[in-house]
PDB file of N, CA and C in Angstrom:
ATOM      1  N   MET A   1     -38.271  78.626 -26.590  1.00  0.00           N
ATOM      2  CA  MET A   1     -37.655  78.029 -27.734  1.00  0.00           C
ATOM      3  C   MET A   1     -36.446  76.875 -27.260  1.00  0.00           C
ATOM      4  N   THR A   2     -36.527  75.862 -27.733  1.00  0.00           N
ATOM      5  CA  THR A   2     -35.854  75.418 -27.764  1.00  0.00           C
ATOM      6  C   THR A   2     -34.406  75.706 -28.636  1.00  0.00           C
ATOM      7  N   ASP A   3     -33.662  74.919 -28.250  1.00  0.00           N
ATOM      8  CA  ASP A   3     -32.007  75.712 -29.219  1.00  0.00           C
ATOM      9  C   ASP A   3     -31.291  74.285 -30.262  1.00  0.00           C
ATOM     10  N   LEU A   4     -31.563  73.799 -30.627  1.00  0.00           N
ATOM     11  CA  LEU A   4     -31.009  72.677 -31.445  1.00  0.00           C
ATOM     12  C   LEU A   4     -30.274  72.532 -32.047  1.00  0.00           C
ATOM     13  N   THR A   5     -29.820  71.232 -32.017  1.00  0.00           N
ATOM     14  CA  THR A   5     -28.577  71.482 -33.640  1.00  0.00           C
ATOM     15  C   THR A   5     -27.882  70.190 -33.801  1.00  0.00           C
ATOM     16  N   LEU A   6     -27.994  69.338 -34.814  1.00  0.00           N
ATOM     17  CA  LEU A   6     -28.323  68.230 -35.000  1.00  0.00           C
ATOM     18  C   LEU A   6     -26.108  67.775 -35.724  1.00  0.00           C
ATOM     19  N   TYR A   7     -25.345  68.037 -35.332  1.00  0.00           N
ATOM     20  CA  TYR A   7     -24.457  66.902 -35.949  1.00  0.00           C
ATOM     21  C   TYR A   7     -24.125  65.374 -36.072  1.00  0.00           C
ATOM     22  N   TYR A   8     -24.066  65.332 -37.306  1.00  0.00           N
ATOM     23  CA  TYR A   8     -24.403  64.328 -38.368  1.00  0.00           C
ATOM     24  C   TYR A   8     -22.345  63.930 -39.026  1.00  0.00           C
ATOM     25  N   LYS A   9     -22.806  62.301 -39.492  1.00  0.00           N
ATOM     26  CA  LYS A   9     -21.107  62.315 -41.165  1.00  0.00           C
ATOM     27  C   LYS A   9     -22.485  61.822 -42.136  1.00  0.00           C
ATOM     28  N   PRO A  10     -21.917  63.126 -42.709  1.00  0.00           N
ATOM     29  CA  PRO A  10     -22.817  62.665 -44.394  1.00  0.00           C
ATOM     30  C   PRO A  10     -23.334  60.383 -44.692  1.00  0.00           C
ATOM     31  N   THR A  11     -21.489  59.743 -44.428  1.00  0.00           N
ATOM     32  CA  THR A  11     -21.412  58.437 -44.297  1.00  0.00           C
ATOM     33  C   THR A  11     -22.246  57.873 -43.626  1.00  0.00           C
ATOM     34  N   CYS A  12     -22.732  58.146 -42.814  1.00  0.00           N
ATOM     35  CA  CYS A  12     -22.963  57.205 -41.186  1.00  0.00           C
ATOM     36  C   CYS A  12     -24.651  57.439 -41.834  1.00  0.00           C
ATOM     37  N   PRO A  13     -24.185  55.605 -41.400  1.00  0.00           N
ATOM     38  CA  PRO A  13     -26.505  55.362 -42.046  1.00  0.00           C
ATOM     39  C   PRO A  13     -27.197  55.509 -40.598  1.00  0.00           C
ATOM     40  N   TYR A  14     -26.217  55.994 -39.264  1.00  0.00           N
ATOM     41  CA  TYR A  14     -27.606  56.488 -39.089  1.00  0.00           C
ATOM     42  C   TYR A  14     -28.380  57.341 -38.468  1.00  0.00           C
ATOM     43  N   CYS A  15     -27.845  58.626 -39.046  1.00  0.00           N
ATOM     44  CA  CYS A  15     -27.301  59.429 -39.343  1.00  0.00           C
ATOM     45  C   CYS A  15     -28.131  59.923 -40.481  1.00  0.00           C
ATOM     46  N   GLN A  16     -28.033  59.290 -41.362  1.00  0.00           N
ATOM     47  CA  GLN A  16     -29.565  59.331 -42.151  1.00  0.00           C
ATOM     48  C   GLN A  16     -30.514  59.144 -42.306  1.00  0.00           C
ATOM     49  N   LYS A  17     -30.856  57.965 -41.385  1.00  0.00           N
ATOM     50  CA  LYS A  17     -31.625  57.638 -40.921  1.00  0.00           C
ATOM     51  C   LYS A  17     -32.422  59.017 -40.532  1.00  0.00           C
ATOM     52  N   VAL A  18     -31.881  59.202 -39.340  1.00  0.00           N
ATOM     53  CA  VAL A  18     -32.680  60.090 -38.694  1.00  0.00           C
ATOM     54  C   VAL A  18     -33.205  61.373 -39.602  1.00  0.00           C
ATOM     55  N   LEU A  19     -31.726  62.397 -41.033  1.00  0.00           N
ATOM     56  CA  LEU A  19     -31.949  63.083 -41.261  1.00  0.00           C
ATOM     57  C   LEU A  19     -33.882  63.100 -43.263  1.00  0.00           C
ATOM     58  N   ASN A  20     -33.530  61.663 -42.581  1.00  0.00           N
ATOM     59  CA  ASN A  20     -34.868  61.399 -43.784  1.00  0.00           C
ATOM     60  C   ASN A  20     -36.187  61.428 -42.843  1.00  0.00           C
ATOM     61  N   PHE A  21     -36.803  60.927 -41.812  1.00  0.00           N
ATOM     62  CA  PHE A  21     -37.218  61.719 -40.855  1.00  0.00           C
ATOM     63  C   PHE A  21     -37.799  63.120 -40.516  1.00  0.00           C
ATOM     64  N   LEU A  22     -36.375  63.633 -40.510  1.00  0.00           N
ATOM     65  CA  LEU A  22     -36.329  65.573 -40.187  1.00  0.00           C
ATOM     66  C   LEU A  22     -37.782  65.707 -41.738  1.00  0.00           C
ATOM     67  N   THR A  23     -37.413  64.863 -43.119  1.00  0.00           N
ATOM     68  CA  THR A  23     -37.688  64.958 -43.918  1.00  0.00           C
ATOM     69  C   THR A  23     -39.012  65.052 -44.003  1.00  0.00           C
ATOM     70  N   SER A  24     -39.009  63.736 -44.420  1.00  0.00           N
ATOM     71  CA  SER A  24     -40.612  63.155 -44.423  1.00  0.00           C
ATOM     72  C   SER A  24     -41.466  63.416 -43.173  1.00  0.00           C
ATOM     73  N   GLN A  25     -41.041  63.986 -42.822  1.00  0.00           N
ATOM     74  CA  GLN A  25     -42.101  65.017 -41.823  1.00  0.00           C
ATOM     75  C   GLN A  25     -42.215  66.843 -41.675  1.00  0.00           C
ATOM     76  N   GLY A  26     -40.783  67.100 -42.255  1.00  0.00           N
ATOM     77  CA  GLY A  26     -40.656  68.317 -42.797  1.00  0.00           C
ATOM     78  C   GLY A  26     -40.020  69.539 -41.826  1.00  0.00           C
ATOM     79  N   ILE A  27     -39.724  68.596 -41.056  1.00  0.00           N
ATOM     80  CA  ILE A  27     -38.987  69.148 -39.926  1.00  0.00           C
ATOM     81  C   ILE A  27     -37.274  69.769 -40.688  1.00  0.00           C
ATOM     82  N   SER A  28     -37.193  70.967 -40.004  1.00  0.00           N
ATOM     83  CA  SER A  28     -35.813  71.585 -40.430  1.00  0.00           C
ATOM     84  C   SER A  28     -35.416  71.764 -38.926  1.00  0.00           C
ATOM     85  N   VAL A  29     -33.757  72.338 -38.734  1.00  0.00           N
ATOM     86  CA  VAL A  29     -32.565  71.903 -37.102  1.00  0.00           C
ATOM     87  C   VAL A  29     -31.827  72.102 -38.015  1.00  0.00           C
ATOM     88  N   PRO A  30     -31.131  72.950 -37.111  1.00  0.00           N
ATOM     89  CA  PRO A  30     -28.868  73.321 -37.911  1.00  0.00           C
ATOM     90  C   PRO A  30     -29.004  72.079 -37.694  1.00  0.00           C
ATOM     91  N   LEU A  31     -28.454  71.905 -38.900  1.00  0.00           N
ATOM     92  CA  LEU A  31     -27.143  70.720 -39.122  1.00  0.00           C
ATOM     93  C   LEU A  31     -25.093  71.173 -39.191  1.00  0.00           C
ATOM     94  N   LYS A  32     -24.870  70.375 -38.768  1.00  0.00           N
ATOM     95  CA  LYS A  32     -23.500  70.356 -39.002  1.00  0.00           C
ATOM     96  C   LYS A  32     -22.534  69.279 -38.983  1.00  0.00           C
ATOM     97  N   ASN A  33     -21.741  68.916 -39.825  1.00  0.00           N
ATOM     98  CA  ASN A  33     -21.442  68.083 -40.641  1.00  0.00           C
ATOM     99  C   ASN A  33     -20.241  67.842 -40.010  1.00  0.00           C
ATOM    100  N   THR A  34     -20.218  66.743 -39.269  1.00  0.00           N
ATOM    101  CA  THR A  34     -17.807  66.356 -38.135  1.00  0.00           C
ATOM    102  C   THR A  34     -17.512  65.540 -38.847  1.00  0.00           C
ATOM    103  N   LEU A  35     -17.989  65.743 -41.010  1.00  0.00           N
ATOM    104  CA  LEU A  35     -16.666  65.811 -40.642  1.00  0.00           C
ATOM    105  C   LEU A  35     -15.840  67.277 -41.113  1.00  0.00           C
ATOM    106  N   ASP A  36     -15.881  68.363 -40.834  1.00  0.00           N
ATOM    107  CA  ASP A  36     -15.738  69.800 -40.768  1.00  0.00           C
ATOM    108  C   ASP A  36     -14.257  69.529 -40.008  1.00  0.00           C
ATOM    109  N   ASN A  37     -13.469  70.243 -39.658  1.00  0.00           N
ATOM    110  CA  ASN A  37     -12.786  69.289 -37.964  1.00  0.00           C
ATOM    111  C   ASN A  37     -13.965  70.535 -36.827  1.00  0.00           C
ATOM    112  N   LYS A  38     -13.548  71.810 -37.247  1.00  0.00           N
ATOM    113  CA  LYS A  38     -14.371  72.725 -35.648  1.00  0.00           C
ATOM    114  C   LYS A  38     -16.097  72.335 -35.665  1.00  0.00           C
ATOM    115  N   ASN A  39     -16.504  71.453 -36.566  1.00  0.00           N
ATOM    116  CA  ASN A  39     -17.688  70.948 -35.871  1.00  0.00           C
ATOM    117  C   ASN A  39     -17.669  70.411 -34.785  1.00  0.00           C
ATOM    118  N   ARG A  40     -16.336  68.903 -35.532  1.00  0.00           N
ATOM    119  CA  ARG A  40     -16.234  67.203 -34.834  1.00  0.00           C
ATOM    120  C   ARG A  40     -15.725  67.891 -33.503  1.00  0.00           C
ATOM    121  N   GLU A  41     -14.722  69.152 -32.736  1.00  0.00           N
ATOM    122  CA  GLU A  41     -14.660  69.385 -31.352  1.00  0.00           C
ATOM    123  C   GLU A  41     -15.277  70.165 -31.420  1.00  0.00           C
ATOM    124  N   GLU A  42     -16.267  70.739 -32.048  1.00  0.00           N
ATOM    125  CA  GLU A  42     -17.035  71.490 -31.174  1.00  0.00           C
ATOM    126  C   GLU A  42     -18.142  70.179 -30.003  1.00  0.00           C
ATOM    127  N   LEU A  43     -18.505  70.233 -31.152  1.00  0.00           N
ATOM    128  CA  LEU A  43     -19.363  68.634 -30.396  1.00  0.00           C
ATOM    129  C   LEU A  43     -18.436  67.595 -29.555  1.00  0.00           C
ATOM    130  N   ILE A  44     -17.436  67.252 -29.842  1.00  0.00           N
ATOM    131  CA  ILE A  44     -17.051  67.034 -27.931  1.00  0.00           C
ATOM    132  C   ILE A  44     -16.390  67.860 -27.869  1.00  0.00           C
ATOM    133  N   ASN A  45     -17.035  68.740 -27.427  1.00  0.00           N
ATOM    134  CA  ASN A  45     -17.014  70.318 -26.371  1.00  0.00           C
ATOM    135  C   ASN A  45     -17.936  69.722 -25.293  1.00  0.00           C
ATOM    136  N   ILE A  46     -19.339  70.147 -26.661  1.00  0.00           N
ATOM    137  CA  ILE A  46     -20.584  70.134 -25.337  1.00  0.00           C
ATOM    138  C   ILE A  46     -20.480  68.176 -25.347  1.00  0.00           C
ATOM    139  N   GLY A  47     -20.553  67.268 -26.067  1.00  0.00           N
ATOM    140  CA  GLY A  47     -21.482  66.592 -25.876  1.00  0.00           C
ATOM    141  C   GLY A  47     -20.591  65.211 -25.464  1.00  0.00           C
ATOM    142  N   GLY A  48     -18.365  65.651 -24.778  1.00  0.00           N
ATOM    143  CA  GLY A  48     -18.053  64.769 -24.297  1.00  0.00           C
ATOM    144  C   GLY A  48     -17.839  63.095 -25.634  1.00  0.00           C
ATOM    145  N   LYS A  49     -18.153  63.205 -26.807  1.00  0.00           N
ATOM    146  CA  LYS A  49     -17.780  61.872 -27.387  1.00  0.00           C
ATOM    147  C   LYS A  49     -18.028  62.306 -28.993  1.00  0.00           C
ATOM    148  N   ASN A  50     -17.086  62.075 -29.530  1.00  0.00           N
ATOM    149  CA  ASN A  50     -17.351  62.321 -31.065  1.00  0.00           C
ATOM    150  C   ASN A  50     -18.178  61.112 -32.183  1.00  0.00           C
ATOM    151  N   GLN A  51     -19.085  60.634 -30.932  1.00  0.00           N
ATOM    152  CA  GLN A  51     -20.496  60.562 -31.571  1.00  0.00           C
ATOM    153  C   GLN A  51     -21.355  60.741 -32.239  1.00  0.00           C
ATOM    154  N   VAL A  52     -21.828  60.087 -33.171  1.00  0.00           N
ATOM    155  CA  VAL A  52     -22.515  60.719 -34.549  1.00  0.00           C
ATOM    156  C   VAL A  52     -23.839  59.343 -34.950  1.00  0.00           C
ATOM    157  N   PRO A  53     -25.626  60.038 -34.530  1.00  0.00           N
ATOM    158  CA  PRO A  53     -25.973  61.650 -34.866  1.00  0.00           C
ATOM    159  C   PRO A  53     -26.594  61.763 -33.082  1.00  0.00           C
ATOM    160  N   CYS A  54     -25.706  62.994 -33.300  1.00  0.00           N
ATOM    161  CA  CYS A  54     -25.926  63.399 -31.346  1.00  0.00           C
ATOM    162  C   CYS A  54     -26.825  64.909 -32.169  1.00  0.00           C
ATOM    163  N   LEU A  55     -27.882  64.333 -31.226  1.00  0.00           N
ATOM    164  CA  LEU A  55     -29.056  66.694 -30.824  1.00  0.00           C
ATOM    165  C   LEU A  55     -28.181  67.302 -29.924  1.00  0.00           C
ATOM    166  N   ILE A  56     -28.286  67.873 -30.450  1.00  0.00           N
ATOM    167  CA  ILE A  56     -27.743  68.981 -28.636  1.00  0.00           C
ATOM    168  C   ILE A  56     -28.928  69.681 -28.772  1.00  0.00           C
ATOM    169  N   ILE A  57     -29.695  69.509 -27.482  1.00  0.00           N
ATOM    170  CA  ILE A  57     -31.282  70.238 -27.106  1.00  0.00           C
ATOM    171  C   ILE A  57     -30.223  70.888 -26.007  1.00  0.00           C
ATOM    172  N   ASP A  58     -30.621  72.711 -25.962  1.00  0.00           N
ATOM    173  CA  ASP A  58     -30.461  73.762 -25.304  1.00  0.00           C
ATOM    174  C   ASP A  58     -28.891  72.689 -24.400  1.00  0.00           C
ATOM    175  N   ARG A  59     -28.041  72.854 -24.944  1.00  0.00           N
ATOM    176  CA  ARG A  59     -26.783  72.174 -24.881  1.00  0.00           C
ATOM    177  C   ARG A  59     -26.224  70.540 -23.692  1.00  0.00           C
ATOM    178  N   LYS A  60     -26.974  69.950 -24.481  1.00  0.00           N
ATOM    179  CA  LYS A  60     -27.197  69.451 -23.491  1.00  0.00           C
ATOM    180  C   LYS A  60     -27.558  67.759 -25.138  1.00  0.00           C
ATOM    181  N   ALA A  61     -26.911  66.322 -25.145  1.00  0.00           N
ATOM    182  CA  ALA A  61     -25.949  65.530 -25.880  1.00  0.00           C
ATOM    183  C   ALA A  61     -27.296  64.547 -25.825  1.00  0.00           C
ATOM    184  N   LEU A  62     -27.945  64.041 -26.813  1.00  0.00           N
ATOM    185  CA  LEU A  62     -29.229  63.863 -27.332  1.00  0.00           C
ATOM    186  C   LEU A  62     -28.350  62.678 -28.606  1.00  0.00           C
ATOM    187  N   TYR A  63     -27.550  61.640 -28.237  1.00  0.00           N
ATOM    188  CA  TYR A  63     -27.207  59.945 -28.876  1.00  0.00           C
ATOM    189  C   TYR A  63     -28.090  58.686 -29.720  1.00  0.00           C
ATOM    190  N   GLU A  64     -28.041  57.830 -30.547  1.00  0.00           N
ATOM    191  CA  GLU A  64     -28.910  57.872 -30.814  1.00  0.00           C
ATOM    192  C   GLU A  64     -30.331  57.486 -31.434  1.00  0.00           C
ATOM    193  N   SER A  65     -30.387  57.673 -32.521  1.00  0.00           N
ATOM    194  CA  SER A  65     -31.324  57.769 -34.447  1.00  0.00           C
ATOM    195  C   SER A  65     -32.286  57.867 -33.530  1.00  0.00           C
ATOM    196  N   ASP A  66     -33.093  56.164 -32.901  1.00  0.00           N
ATOM    197  CA  ASP A  66     -34.383  56.325 -32.345  1.00  0.00           C
ATOM    198  C   ASP A  66     -34.507  56.445 -31.321  1.00  0.00           C
ATOM    199  N   ASP A  67     -33.826  57.581 -30.207  1.00  0.00           N
ATOM    200  CA  ASP A  67     -33.675  58.287 -29.540  1.00  0.00           C
ATOM    201  C   ASP A  67     -33.714  59.760 -29.684  1.00  0.00           C
ATOM    202  N   ILE A  68     -33.650  59.675 -30.955  1.00  0.00           N
ATOM    203  CA  ILE A  68     -34.328  61.098 -31.431  1.00  0.00           C
ATOM    204  C   ILE A  68     -35.009  61.302 -32.457  1.00  0.00           C
ATOM    205  N   ILE A  69     -35.062  60.132 -32.831  1.00  0.00           N
ATOM    206  CA  ILE A  69     -36.336  60.258 -34.121  1.00  0.00           C
ATOM    207  C   ILE A  69     -36.977  60.285 -32.646  1.00  0.00           C
ATOM    208  N   GLU A  70     -37.806  59.775 -31.525  1.00  0.00           N
ATOM    209  CA  GLU A  70     -38.416  59.224 -30.352  1.00  0.00           C
ATOM    210  C   GLU A  70     -38.799  61.069 -30.478  1.00  0.00           C
ATOM    211  N   TRP A  71     -37.347  61.574 -30.357  1.00  0.00           N
ATOM    212  CA  TRP A  71     -37.937  63.328 -28.945  1.00  0.00           C
ATOM    213  C   TRP A  71     -38.401  63.787 -30.131  1.00  0.00           C
ATOM    214  N   PHE A  72     -38.428  63.955 -30.565  1.00  0.00           N
ATOM    215  CA  PHE A  72     -39.153  64.450 -31.953  1.00  0.00           C
ATOM    216  C   PHE A  72     -40.356  64.245 -32.453  1.00  0.00           C
ATOM    217  N   LYS A  73     -40.867  63.384 -31.968  1.00  0.00           N
ATOM    218  CA  LYS A  73     -42.354  62.678 -32.070  1.00  0.00           C
ATOM    219  C   LYS A  73     -42.229  63.114 -31.282  1.00  0.00           C
ATOM    220  N   ASN A  74     -42.431  63.294 -29.944  1.00  0.00           N
ATOM    221  CA  ASN A  74     -42.545  63.477 -28.419  1.00  0.00           C
ATOM    222  C   ASN A  74     -42.632  65.439 -28.158  1.00  0.00           C
ATOM    223  N   ASN A  75     -41.541  65.994 -29.636  1.00  0.00           N
ATOM    224  CA  ASN A  75     -41.685  67.799 -28.528  1.00  0.00           C
ATOM    225  C   ASN A  75     -41.084  68.075 -30.635  1.00  0.00           C
ATOM    226  N   ARG A  76     -43.052  67.623 -30.605  1.00  0.00           N
ATOM    227  CA  ARG A  76     -42.838  69.084 -32.050  1.00  0.00           C
ATOM    228  C   ARG A  76     -42.767  70.169 -32.164  1.00  0.00           C
ATOM    229  N   LEU A  77     -42.300  71.154 -33.583  1.00  0.00           N
ATOM    230  CA  LEU A  77     -41.495  71.836 -33.041  1.00  0.00           C
ATOM    231  C   LEU A  77     -43.045  73.068 -34.225  1.00  0.00           C
TER     232      LEU A  77
END
């Protein structure tokens, strides 16, 4: 089983694009809002930068909304 977490910011349109895709596909993954300082620091520690959306896949960061959506299309859960 793949360990996934999606870091996002509610005001980010690219995050909303990913979240809308996940909802439309009935995909549920753990979410962490980076407006929470703890989550933002966690993201920086894992991925090296404070960029969202960021999908953490087994402790590796995947950035860019289109890349994240493509990953989900190719890796059905």
